[in-house]
């Protein structure tokens, strides 16, 4: 039986192929880490919402030539992680 990591890698490959994005690198661990931070810093449903918005923002940046794919994704993920930390700190302050 495949491990969860293997299943996620296979799912990622399948979905990339279906979306005609074969060969696009996806750091599954980084995406899951960001989702976990969002879920624990904001509220649980923030995880899929955060990862969707990050992917969308990175795609726009790459598509408009602001940055290459990898740089756009790293930048969007860093901004989201910072926002999650800020949200957690604001929650602690209330």
Protein backbone atom coordinates (compact mmCIF):
# COMPACT_ATOMS: atom_id res chain seq x y z
CA UNK A 1 0.00 0.00 0.00
CA UNK A 2 1.30 3.44 -0.92
CA UNK A 3 2.16 5.90 1.81
CA UNK A 4 0.18 9.09 2.19
CA UNK A 5 3.08 11.05 0.69
CA UNK A 6 3.17 8.71 -2.33
CA UNK A 7 -0.60 9.03 -2.74
CA UNK A 8 -0.41 12.82 -2.63
CA UNK A 9 2.45 12.89 -5.14
CA UNK A 10 0.46 10.60 -7.46
CA UNK A 11 -2.66 12.74 -7.03
CA UNK A 12 -0.66 15.88 -7.75
CA UNK A 13 0.75 14.34 -10.94
CA UNK A 14 -2.70 13.16 -12.04
CA UNK A 15 -4.28 16.55 -11.43
CA UNK A 16 -1.43 18.40 -13.16
CA UNK A 17 -1.85 16.13 -16.18
CA UNK A 18 -5.62 16.66 -16.25
CA UNK A 19 -5.06 20.42 -16.12
CA UNK A 20 -2.42 20.18 -18.87
CA UNK A 21 0.29 21.36 -16.48
CA UNK A 22 2.57 18.32 -16.68
CA UNK A 23 6.08 19.04 -15.50
CA UNK A 24 5.01 21.85 -13.19
CA UNK A 25 6.90 21.40 -9.93
CA UNK A 26 4.72 21.20 -6.85
CA UNK A 27 6.28 21.09 -3.39
CA UNK A 28 3.54 19.05 -1.73
CA UNK A 29 5.17 19.33 1.71
CA UNK A 30 5.37 23.12 1.49
CA UNK A 31 1.72 23.38 0.43
CA UNK A 32 0.63 21.11 3.28
CA UNK A 33 2.76 23.05 5.76
CA UNK A 34 1.16 26.33 4.65
CA UNK A 35 -2.30 24.77 4.91
CA UNK A 36 -1.52 23.61 8.45
CA UNK A 37 -0.32 27.07 9.47
CA UNK A 38 -3.48 28.66 8.04
CA UNK A 39 -5.75 26.12 9.73
CA UNK A 40 -4.14 26.64 13.12
CA UNK A 41 -3.59 30.41 12.85
CA UNK A 42 -6.95 31.48 11.46
CA UNK A 43 -9.65 28.79 11.36
CA UNK A 44 -9.57 25.31 9.89
CA UNK A 45 -11.36 26.22 6.62
CA UNK A 46 -8.65 28.83 5.97
CA UNK A 47 -6.35 25.99 4.83
CA UNK A 48 -7.87 25.27 1.40
CA UNK A 49 -8.79 28.92 0.90
CA UNK A 50 -5.24 30.06 1.63
CA UNK A 51 -3.62 27.51 -0.66
CA UNK A 52 -6.06 28.37 -3.46
CA UNK A 53 -5.39 32.11 -3.18
CA UNK A 54 -1.63 31.54 -3.03
CA UNK A 55 -1.74 29.41 -6.17
CA UNK A 56 -3.90 31.96 -7.94
CA UNK A 57 -1.62 34.85 -6.97
CA UNK A 58 1.49 32.92 -8.03
CA UNK A 59 -0.13 32.00 -11.34
CA UNK A 60 -1.03 35.61 -12.04
CA UNK A 61 2.49 36.79 -11.18
CA UNK A 62 4.07 34.14 -13.38
CA UNK A 63 1.57 34.60 -16.18
CA UNK A 64 2.13 38.34 -16.37
CA UNK A 65 5.90 37.95 -16.31
CA UNK A 66 6.42 39.48 -12.86
CA UNK A 67 8.42 36.42 -11.79
CA UNK A 68 9.16 32.90 -12.94
CA UNK A 69 6.97 30.11 -11.59
CA UNK A 70 9.18 29.08 -8.68
CA UNK A 71 9.87 32.63 -7.49
CA UNK A 72 6.19 33.58 -7.77
CA UNK A 73 5.15 30.56 -5.71
CA UNK A 74 7.78 31.11 -3.03
CA UNK A 75 6.85 34.78 -2.74
CA UNK A 76 3.11 34.11 -2.52
CA UNK A 77 3.64 31.38 0.07
CA UNK A 78 5.87 33.65 2.15
CA UNK A 79 3.28 36.44 2.12
CA UNK A 80 0.55 33.99 3.15
CA UNK A 81 2.67 32.53 5.96
CA UNK A 82 3.37 36.06 7.25
CA UNK A 83 -0.33 36.87 7.16
CA UNK A 84 -1.12 33.68 9.08
CA UNK A 85 1.42 34.59 11.75
CA UNK A 86 -0.06 38.09 11.99
CA UNK A 87 -3.58 36.66 12.29
CA UNK A 88 -2.44 34.33 15.06
CA UNK A 89 -0.77 37.18 16.92
CA UNK A 90 -3.89 39.34 16.60
CA UNK A 91 -5.97 36.46 17.94
CA UNK A 92 -3.64 36.15 20.94
CA UNK A 93 -3.92 39.89 21.58
CA UNK A 94 -7.74 39.83 21.74
